[in-house]
Each structure stands twice: as structure tokens, then as C-alpha cells.
Amino acid sequence: MRESLSARIDGEQPVVADDVLDRHLAGCPECRAWQERAIALRRMTLIREAPAVPDLTARILAEVPAPRPQPWRLRVALGLVALVQSGLGLAELTGVDVGHAVHGGLAAAHLGNESAAWNVAVGIGLLWAALRPSAAAGLLPALGGFVVVLGIVSGFDLSTGQVAAGRVASHALVVAGVALLFAVRRQHARQPAPPSADRVPAPEDGRTGRSDDEVAGGPPGQPQQRRFPQLPTGRRAA
């Protein structure tokens, strides 16, 4: 009986005749209630045509600021320094004296190979930062600390006469590389970050069902600091 009622509601031909359905509905309040609910549900699920809206594409594109050209000069300079630094390290590994050679026994030769390998690694790291500026922030602590310690040691050795001025001047390339690395990192940090879903504020109309205090682990209504505060770098989409 209800299948025939459903078919009649959908505009189809019911199996049971209409007059039979009408007599049954007149004496069955449950089927009448079911038919009313079915009609209300069908009205809710009817596909309605979306209201016509004006095309604002041209207006939106006109108001969006043009993207600024990405600066390449610092990255190109950093890449050149990286290539030269790697080239010097490879030259040391092949036995070419570029002013960094360590003379002595087997231990001194191994120390020279370690220095050459480090120079190649520094060059590769600088080249990667030139290609991917977002990696510059991760390289700065290691290379910056290396340059600081190297400057202190070189200054002490130069003052005591243990090393010539030309040998100390050969470290200018890695110092320039770290300076360019810092400049590239700063330039990349100033670039506007694309919008991210993580940076969208939570709704304030109570739809989430939980307050900030409850998310932080505190009782509702009582302010509490977050257990792990979000650092500024954590809010960057990059």
C-alpha cells in the first residue's frame, strides 16, 4: 500500500487503484501521517535551479594586484658562489693545490680530504638554497656557526703567526656565501605567503562545539595558556 502511495507522490502509476488508496487513507491515520511525511521530504529534496548571479570575473581580476616579479639577483649570486665553492672542494679532492692543502703525513692528508669534502658539502648546500630559498633558514644555523668559529680561530692563528694572511683570505668565499644565504632567507621571508586552511580562524558562532579553553585542556570559562604556543614560523604556509 505504501509503495503505491510513494509511486503516486512521485507522479508514477501506482499498482493499487486511486480510489482504493483514498478509501484506505480515510480509515488509516498511520498511512496518512506517512504520506504527509513523504510529501514533506520530497519537497525538501526537489532540485531547484540556482538563482542567477552576475559574472564578476572581470571585476575581481581587475581588483587583484598583479604578482610582483620574484627577485633572482641574490639567488643567482648565491648559486655562483656555491658553484665556485664546490669547484674548489672538488679540485682539492683531485690533488690540485688551491691554497687549502695540508702538508704532512697520512693524518694530514686525511685532514685535507675532510676539508675538501666539507667545502664540497657547503657548496651543495648553498646551491640547494639558491634553488629552494625555503631551505636557507635551515642552513643558516650550521653555516653561520661555522663561519663564526672559523673567524675566531683564523683571527687567533693570524695574530700568533701560525697562518699567512693569504690563507685566511681564502675563507672569504664561504663568508660571502653565508652572507648571501642570509639575504636570500630574508628576501624569501618577506614574500607574501599564499592563504592556507590552517590560517583561517575558527568560527565564533559555536558551531565547533568546543571553545579554545577546552581545546587547550582547561575548564570552560577559565582562561588558560596553550600548552605548546605556536611560534611565528609555524603560522607561515611555507
C-alpha atoms as a PDB file:
ATOM      1  CA  MET A   1       0.000   0.000   0.000  1.00  0.00           C
ATOM      2  CA  ARG A   2       2.753   2.474   0.902  1.00  0.00           C
ATOM      3  CA  GLU A   3       4.650   1.593  -2.270  1.00  0.00           C
ATOM      4  CA  SER A   4       1.607   2.674  -4.260  1.00  0.00           C
ATOM      5  CA  LEU A   5       1.386   5.867  -2.195  1.00  0.00           C
ATOM      6  CA  SER A   6       5.041   6.581  -2.900  1.00  0.00           C
ATOM      7  CA  ALA A   7       4.532   5.975  -6.620  1.00  0.00           C
ATOM      8  CA  ARG A   8       1.547   8.352  -6.715  1.00  0.00           C
ATOM      9  CA  ILE A   9       3.552  11.044  -4.862  1.00  0.00           C
ATOM     10  CA  ASP A  10       6.343  10.717  -7.449  1.00  0.00           C
ATOM     11  CA  GLY A  11       3.888  11.019 -10.323  1.00  0.00           C
ATOM     12  CA  GLU A  12       4.100   7.343 -11.299  1.00  0.00           C
ATOM     13  CA  GLN A  13       1.287   4.872 -11.892  1.00  0.00           C
ATOM     14  CA  PRO A  14       0.516   3.077  -8.612  1.00  0.00           C
ATOM     15  CA  VAL A  15      -0.211  -0.648  -8.510  1.00  0.00           C
ATOM     16  CA  VAL A  16      -3.306  -0.087  -6.378  1.00  0.00           C
ATOM     17  CA  ALA A  17      -6.096   1.991  -7.883  1.00  0.00           C
ATOM     18  CA  ASP A  18      -6.501   5.581  -6.714  1.00  0.00           C
ATOM     19  CA  ASP A  19      -9.981   5.060  -5.274  1.00  0.00           C
ATOM     20  CA  VAL A  20      -8.723   2.133  -3.212  1.00  0.00           C
ATOM     21  CA  LEU A  21      -5.832   4.250  -1.909  1.00  0.00           C
ATOM     22  CA  ASP A  22      -8.215   7.058  -0.997  1.00  0.00           C
ATOM     23  CA  ARG A  23     -10.529   4.734   0.938  1.00  0.00           C
ATOM     24  CA  HIS A  24      -7.564   3.228   2.761  1.00  0.00           C
ATOM     25  CA  LEU A  25      -6.174   6.664   3.701  1.00  0.00           C
ATOM     26  CA  ALA A  26      -9.580   7.697   5.010  1.00  0.00           C
ATOM     27  CA  GLY A  27      -9.523   4.885   7.534  1.00  0.00           C
ATOM     28  CA  CYS A  28      -5.785   4.592   8.333  1.00  0.00           C
ATOM     29  CA  PRO A  29      -4.253   7.512  10.262  1.00  0.00           C
ATOM     30  CA  GLU A  30      -0.775   5.893  10.184  1.00  0.00           C
ATOM     31  CA  CYS A  31      -0.686   5.818   6.400  1.00  0.00           C
ATOM     32  CA  ARG A  32      -1.975   9.386   6.237  1.00  0.00           C
ATOM     33  CA  ALA A  33       0.862  10.512   8.548  1.00  0.00           C
ATOM     34  CA  TRP A  34       3.346   8.542   6.467  1.00  0.00           C
ATOM     35  CA  GLN A  35       2.080  10.178   3.271  1.00  0.00           C
ATOM     36  CA  GLU A  36       2.404  13.657   4.795  1.00  0.00           C
ATOM     37  CA  ARG A  37       5.985  12.942   5.832  1.00  0.00           C
ATOM     38  CA  ALA A  38       6.802  11.574   2.381  1.00  0.00           C
ATOM     39  CA  ILE A  39       5.371  14.668   0.678  1.00  0.00           C
ATOM     40  CA  ALA A  40       7.327  16.976   3.001  1.00  0.00           C
ATOM     41  CA  LEU A  41      10.539  15.013   2.375  1.00  0.00           C
ATOM     42  CA  ARG A  42      10.031  15.182  -1.392  1.00  0.00           C
ATOM     43  CA  ARG A  43       9.604  18.954  -1.232  1.00  0.00           C
ATOM     44  CA  MET A  44      12.872  19.234   0.686  1.00  0.00           C
ATOM     45  CA  THR A  45      14.789  17.110  -1.835  1.00  0.00           C
ATOM     46  CA  LEU A  46      13.471  18.701  -5.012  1.00  0.00           C
ATOM     47  CA  ILE A  47      16.276  20.026  -7.210  1.00  0.00           C
ATOM     48  CA  ARG A  48      15.825  23.731  -7.582  1.00  0.00           C
ATOM     49  CA  GLU A  49      17.515  25.893 -10.117  1.00  0.00           C
ATOM     50  CA  ALA A  50      20.237  28.071  -8.622  1.00  0.00           C
ATOM     51  CA  PRO A  51      19.482  31.771  -8.640  1.00  0.00           C
ATOM     52  CA  ALA A  52      21.132  33.731 -11.411  1.00  0.00           C
ATOM     53  CA  VAL A  53      24.152  35.758 -10.268  1.00  0.00           C
ATOM     54  CA  PRO A  54      26.117  38.322 -12.239  1.00  0.00           C
ATOM     55  CA  ASP A  55      29.505  37.359 -13.665  1.00  0.00           C
ATOM     56  CA  LEU A  56      32.077  39.218 -11.542  1.00  0.00           C
ATOM     57  CA  THR A  57      35.167  37.569 -13.032  1.00  0.00           C
ATOM     58  CA  ALA A  58      36.432  40.655 -14.842  1.00  0.00           C
ATOM     59  CA  ARG A  59      35.861  42.894 -11.805  1.00  0.00           C
ATOM     60  CA  ILE A  60      37.628  40.521  -9.443  1.00  0.00           C
ATOM     61  CA  LEU A  61      40.616  40.101 -11.750  1.00  0.00           C
ATOM     62  CA  ALA A  62      40.830  43.867 -12.164  1.00  0.00           C
ATOM     63  CA  GLU A  63      40.978  44.447  -8.396  1.00  0.00           C
ATOM     64  CA  VAL A  64      43.524  41.697  -7.664  1.00  0.00           C
ATOM     65  CA  PRO A  65      47.026  43.200  -7.546  1.00  0.00           C
ATOM     66  CA  ALA A  66      49.438  41.919 -10.130  1.00  0.00           C
ATOM     67  CA  PRO A  67      52.003  39.478  -8.730  1.00  0.00           C
ATOM     68  CA  ARG A  68      55.354  41.038  -8.039  1.00  0.00           C
ATOM     69  CA  PRO A  69      58.234  39.630 -10.063  1.00  0.00           C
ATOM     70  CA  GLN A  70      60.359  37.289  -7.996  1.00  0.00           C
ATOM     71  CA  PRO A  71      63.857  38.737  -7.497  1.00  0.00           C
ATOM     72  CA  TRP A  72      66.590  36.499  -8.818  1.00  0.00           C
ATOM     73  CA  ARG A  73      69.785  38.507  -8.375  1.00  0.00           C
ATOM     74  CA  LEU A  74      70.604  37.312  -4.872  1.00  0.00           C
ATOM     75  CA  ARG A  75      69.793  33.720  -5.743  1.00  0.00           C
ATOM     76  CA  VAL A  76      71.942  33.852  -8.865  1.00  0.00           C
ATOM     77  CA  ALA A  77      74.840  35.299  -6.875  1.00  0.00           C
ATOM     78  CA  LEU A  78      74.401  32.605  -4.225  1.00  0.00           C
ATOM     79  CA  GLY A  79      74.369  29.929  -6.932  1.00  0.00           C
ATOM     80  CA  LEU A  80      77.613  31.244  -8.434  1.00  0.00           C
ATOM     81  CA  VAL A  81      79.307  31.242  -5.031  1.00  0.00           C
ATOM     82  CA  ALA A  82      78.042  27.707  -4.453  1.00  0.00           C
ATOM     83  CA  LEU A  83      79.450  26.501  -7.766  1.00  0.00           C
ATOM     84  CA  VAL A  84      82.847  28.074  -7.102  1.00  0.00           C
ATOM     85  CA  GLN A  85      82.904  26.657  -3.556  1.00  0.00           C
ATOM     86  CA  SER A  86      82.083  23.169  -4.831  1.00  0.00           C
ATOM     87  CA  GLY A  87      84.639  23.513  -7.597  1.00  0.00           C
ATOM     88  CA  LEU A  88      87.387  24.375  -5.127  1.00  0.00           C
ATOM     89  CA  GLY A  89      86.474  21.377  -2.988  1.00  0.00           C
ATOM     90  CA  LEU A  90      86.497  19.026  -5.969  1.00  0.00           C
ATOM     91  CA  ALA A  91      89.826  20.444  -7.065  1.00  0.00           C
ATOM     92  CA  GLU A  92      91.249  19.693  -3.608  1.00  0.00           C
ATOM     93  CA  LEU A  93      89.952  16.133  -3.770  1.00  0.00           C
ATOM     94  CA  THR A  94      91.698  15.595  -7.113  1.00  0.00           C
ATOM     95  CA  GLY A  95      95.016  16.854  -5.742  1.00  0.00           C
ATOM     96  CA  VAL A  96      95.047  20.430  -7.091  1.00  0.00           C
ATOM     97  CA  ASP A  97      96.554  22.925  -4.642  1.00  0.00           C
ATOM     98  CA  VAL A  98      94.117  25.813  -4.261  1.00  0.00           C
ATOM     99  CA  GLY A  99      95.697  27.205  -1.100  1.00  0.00           C
ATOM    100  CA  HIS A 100      93.873  24.906   1.320  1.00  0.00           C
ATOM    101  CA  ALA A 101      96.234  21.932   1.144  1.00  0.00           C
ATOM    102  CA  VAL A 102      97.534  20.489   4.400  1.00  0.00           C
ATOM    103  CA  HIS A 103     101.113  19.226   4.173  1.00  0.00           C
ATOM    104  CA  GLY A 104     102.368  16.411   6.359  1.00  0.00           C
ATOM    105  CA  GLY A 105     101.881  12.654   6.835  1.00  0.00           C
ATOM    106  CA  LEU A 106      98.892  10.421   6.269  1.00  0.00           C
ATOM    107  CA  ALA A 107      96.890  12.097   9.020  1.00  0.00           C
ATOM    108  CA  ALA A 108      97.449  15.470   7.408  1.00  0.00           C
ATOM    109  CA  ALA A 109      96.379  14.075   4.021  1.00  0.00           C
ATOM    110  CA  HIS A 110      93.198  12.704   5.541  1.00  0.00           C
ATOM    111  CA  LEU A 111      92.566  16.050   7.227  1.00  0.00           C
ATOM    112  CA  GLY A 112      92.938  17.728   3.854  1.00  0.00           C
ATOM    113  CA  ASN A 113      90.402  15.332   2.316  1.00  0.00           C
ATOM    114  CA  GLU A 114      87.963  16.086   5.132  1.00  0.00           C
ATOM    115  CA  SER A 115      88.378  19.807   4.499  1.00  0.00           C
ATOM    116  CA  ALA A 116      87.812  19.303   0.773  1.00  0.00           C
ATOM    117  CA  ALA A 117      84.699  17.184   1.401  1.00  0.00           C
ATOM    118  CA  TRP A 118      83.347  19.876   3.728  1.00  0.00           C
ATOM    119  CA  ASN A 119      83.918  22.548   1.089  1.00  0.00           C
ATOM    120  CA  VAL A 120      82.004  20.457  -1.457  1.00  0.00           C
ATOM    121  CA  ALA A 121      79.166  19.919   1.032  1.00  0.00           C
ATOM    122  CA  VAL A 122      78.983  23.649   1.778  1.00  0.00           C
ATOM    123  CA  GLY A 123      78.781  24.364  -1.941  1.00  0.00           C
ATOM    124  CA  ILE A 124      75.995  21.827  -2.423  1.00  0.00           C
ATOM    125  CA  GLY A 125      74.051  23.305   0.494  1.00  0.00           C
ATOM    126  CA  LEU A 126      74.384  26.835  -0.856  1.00  0.00           C
ATOM    127  CA  LEU A 127      73.331  25.682  -4.319  1.00  0.00           C
ATOM    128  CA  TRP A 128      70.249  23.967  -2.880  1.00  0.00           C
ATOM    129  CA  ALA A 129      69.323  27.148  -1.012  1.00  0.00           C
ATOM    130  CA  ALA A 130      69.696  29.112  -4.254  1.00  0.00           C
ATOM    131  CA  LEU A 131      67.274  26.731  -5.964  1.00  0.00           C
ATOM    132  CA  ARG A 132      64.927  26.406  -2.973  1.00  0.00           C
ATOM    133  CA  PRO A 133      65.002  29.611  -0.865  1.00  0.00           C
ATOM    134  CA  SER A 134      62.841  27.988   1.806  1.00  0.00           C
ATOM    135  CA  ALA A 135      65.836  25.787   2.736  1.00  0.00           C
ATOM    136  CA  ALA A 136      68.017  28.812   3.566  1.00  0.00           C
ATOM    137  CA  ALA A 137      66.610  29.109   7.095  1.00  0.00           C
ATOM    138  CA  GLY A 138      67.646  25.531   7.877  1.00  0.00           C
ATOM    139  CA  LEU A 139      71.216  26.007   6.622  1.00  0.00           C
ATOM    140  CA  LEU A 140      71.887  29.285   8.409  1.00  0.00           C
ATOM    141  CA  PRO A 141      72.467  27.911  11.950  1.00  0.00           C
ATOM    142  CA  ALA A 142      75.089  25.364  10.823  1.00  0.00           C
ATOM    143  CA  LEU A 143      76.940  27.518   8.281  1.00  0.00           C
ATOM    144  CA  GLY A 144      76.601  30.669  10.365  1.00  0.00           C
ATOM    145  CA  GLY A 145      78.091  28.901  13.382  1.00  0.00           C
ATOM    146  CA  PHE A 146      80.882  27.524  11.213  1.00  0.00           C
ATOM    147  CA  VAL A 147      81.784  30.983   9.922  1.00  0.00           C
ATOM    148  CA  VAL A 148      81.779  32.459  13.445  1.00  0.00           C
ATOM    149  CA  VAL A 149      84.065  29.741  14.840  1.00  0.00           C
ATOM    150  CA  LEU A 150      86.248  29.896  11.728  1.00  0.00           C
ATOM    151  CA  GLY A 151      86.640  33.665  12.125  1.00  0.00           C
ATOM    152  CA  ILE A 152      87.679  33.327  15.777  1.00  0.00           C
ATOM    153  CA  VAL A 153      90.195  30.564  15.063  1.00  0.00           C
ATOM    154  CA  SER A 154      91.581  32.312  11.982  1.00  0.00           C
ATOM    155  CA  GLY A 155      91.989  35.570  13.880  1.00  0.00           C
ATOM    156  CA  PHE A 156      93.894  33.810  16.666  1.00  0.00           C
ATOM    157  CA  ASP A 157      96.139  31.923  14.229  1.00  0.00           C
ATOM    158  CA  LEU A 158      96.814  35.101  12.244  1.00  0.00           C
ATOM    159  CA  SER A 159      97.735  37.061  15.367  1.00  0.00           C
ATOM    160  CA  THR A 160     100.158  34.354  16.530  1.00  0.00           C
ATOM    161  CA  GLY A 161     101.751  33.977  13.104  1.00  0.00           C
ATOM    162  CA  GLN A 162     100.623  30.371  12.604  1.00  0.00           C
ATOM    163  CA  VAL A 163      98.951  31.147   9.303  1.00  0.00           C
ATOM    164  CA  ALA A 164      99.555  33.611   6.467  1.00  0.00           C
ATOM    165  CA  ALA A 165      97.107  36.353   5.551  1.00  0.00           C
ATOM    166  CA  GLY A 166      96.523  34.801   2.124  1.00  0.00           C
ATOM    167  CA  ARG A 167      95.377  31.551   3.744  1.00  0.00           C
ATOM    168  CA  VAL A 168      92.869  33.422   5.906  1.00  0.00           C
ATOM    169  CA  ALA A 169      91.667  35.433   2.914  1.00  0.00           C
ATOM    170  CA  SER A 170      90.795  32.190   1.121  1.00  0.00           C
ATOM    171  CA  HIS A 171      87.864  31.805   3.517  1.00  0.00           C
ATOM    172  CA  ALA A 172      86.210  34.935   2.135  1.00  0.00           C
ATOM    173  CA  LEU A 173      84.234  32.816  -0.330  1.00  0.00           C
ATOM    174  CA  VAL A 174      82.361  30.887   2.352  1.00  0.00           C
ATOM    175  CA  VAL A 175      81.789  34.111   4.310  1.00  0.00           C
ATOM    176  CA  ALA A 176      80.252  35.674   1.209  1.00  0.00           C
ATOM    177  CA  GLY A 177      78.141  32.549   0.743  1.00  0.00           C
ATOM    178  CA  VAL A 178      76.733  32.769   4.272  1.00  0.00           C
ATOM    179  CA  ALA A 179      76.025  36.489   3.829  1.00  0.00           C
ATOM    180  CA  LEU A 180      74.134  35.788   0.592  1.00  0.00           C
ATOM    181  CA  LEU A 181      72.367  32.901   2.309  1.00  0.00           C
ATOM    182  CA  PHE A 182      71.114  35.265   4.998  1.00  0.00           C
ATOM    183  CA  ALA A 183      69.995  37.789   2.365  1.00  0.00           C
ATOM    184  CA  VAL A 184      68.124  35.120   0.382  1.00  0.00           C
ATOM    185  CA  ARG A 185      66.433  33.858   3.536  1.00  0.00           C
ATOM    186  CA  ARG A 186      65.348  37.397   4.484  1.00  0.00           C
ATOM    187  CA  GLN A 187      64.096  38.094   0.976  1.00  0.00           C
ATOM    188  CA  HIS A 188      62.110  34.873   0.935  1.00  0.00           C
ATOM    189  CA  ALA A 189      60.559  35.642   4.339  1.00  0.00           C
ATOM    190  CA  ARG A 190      59.255  38.962   3.016  1.00  0.00           C
ATOM    191  CA  GLN A 191      57.381  37.313   0.164  1.00  0.00           C
ATOM    192  CA  PRO A 192      53.623  37.125   0.817  1.00  0.00           C
ATOM    193  CA  ALA A 193      52.601  33.610   1.748  1.00  0.00           C
ATOM    194  CA  PRO A 194      49.617  32.008  -0.018  1.00  0.00           C
ATOM    195  CA  PRO A 195      46.463  31.557   2.044  1.00  0.00           C
ATOM    196  CA  SER A 196      46.208  28.284   3.890  1.00  0.00           C
ATOM    197  CA  ALA A 197      43.398  26.466   5.603  1.00  0.00           C
ATOM    198  CA  ASP A 198      45.496  26.335   8.767  1.00  0.00           C
ATOM    199  CA  ARG A 199      45.467  30.130   8.982  1.00  0.00           C
ATOM    200  CA  VAL A 200      41.658  30.501   8.757  1.00  0.00           C
ATOM    201  CA  PRO A 201      40.263  31.498  12.168  1.00  0.00           C
ATOM    202  CA  ALA A 202      37.806  29.160  13.817  1.00  0.00           C
ATOM    203  CA  PRO A 203      34.134  30.181  13.675  1.00  0.00           C
ATOM    204  CA  GLU A 204      32.867  32.131  16.648  1.00  0.00           C
ATOM    205  CA  ASP A 205      29.217  31.149  16.444  1.00  0.00           C
ATOM    206  CA  GLY A 206      29.601  27.983  18.478  1.00  0.00           C
ATOM    207  CA  ARG A 207      29.404  25.569  15.527  1.00  0.00           C
ATOM    208  CA  THR A 208      32.602  23.773  16.544  1.00  0.00           C
ATOM    209  CA  GLY A 209      31.074  22.695  19.832  1.00  0.00           C
ATOM    210  CA  ARG A 210      34.318  23.308  21.747  1.00  0.00           C
ATOM    211  CA  SER A 211      35.841  26.508  22.992  1.00  0.00           C
ATOM    212  CA  ASP A 212      39.518  27.451  22.830  1.00  0.00           C
ATOM    213  CA  ASP A 213      39.838  26.770  26.559  1.00  0.00           C
ATOM    214  CA  GLU A 214      38.501  23.245  26.099  1.00  0.00           C
ATOM    215  CA  VAL A 215      40.865  22.625  23.175  1.00  0.00           C
ATOM    216  CA  ALA A 216      43.797  23.821  25.316  1.00  0.00           C
ATOM    217  CA  GLY A 217      42.818  21.404  28.068  1.00  0.00           C
ATOM    218  CA  GLY A 218      41.325  23.824  30.591  1.00  0.00           C
ATOM    219  CA  PRO A 219      37.858  24.018  32.029  1.00  0.00           C
ATOM    220  CA  PRO A 220      35.294  26.076  30.099  1.00  0.00           C
ATOM    221  CA  GLY A 221      35.051  29.694  31.106  1.00  0.00           C
ATOM    222  CA  GLN A 222      38.534  29.801  32.632  1.00  0.00           C
ATOM    223  CA  PRO A 223      41.369  31.299  30.515  1.00  0.00           C
ATOM    224  CA  GLN A 224      44.386  29.086  30.155  1.00  0.00           C
ATOM    225  CA  GLN A 225      47.547  29.357  28.111  1.00  0.00           C
ATOM    226  CA  ARG A 226      48.190  26.830  25.410  1.00  0.00           C
ATOM    227  CA  ARG A 227      50.476  24.010  26.380  1.00  0.00           C
ATOM    228  CA  PHE A 228      52.541  24.424  23.203  1.00  0.00           C
ATOM    229  CA  PRO A 229      52.430  28.042  21.968  1.00  0.00           C
ATOM    230  CA  GLN A 230      52.553  28.441  18.231  1.00  0.00           C
ATOM    231  CA  LEU A 231      55.730  30.150  17.080  1.00  0.00           C
ATOM    232  CA  PRO A 232      55.627  32.747  14.295  1.00  0.00           C
ATOM    233  CA  THR A 233      57.312  30.305  11.875  1.00  0.00           C
ATOM    234  CA  GLY A 234      54.503  27.831  12.489  1.00  0.00           C
ATOM    235  CA  ARG A 235      51.942  30.256  11.073  1.00  0.00           C
ATOM    236  CA  ARG A 236      53.704  30.552   7.750  1.00  0.00           C
ATOM    237  CA  ALA A 237      52.298  28.466   4.962  1.00  0.00           C
ATOM    238  CA  ALA A 238      55.769  27.969   3.565  1.00  0.00           C
END
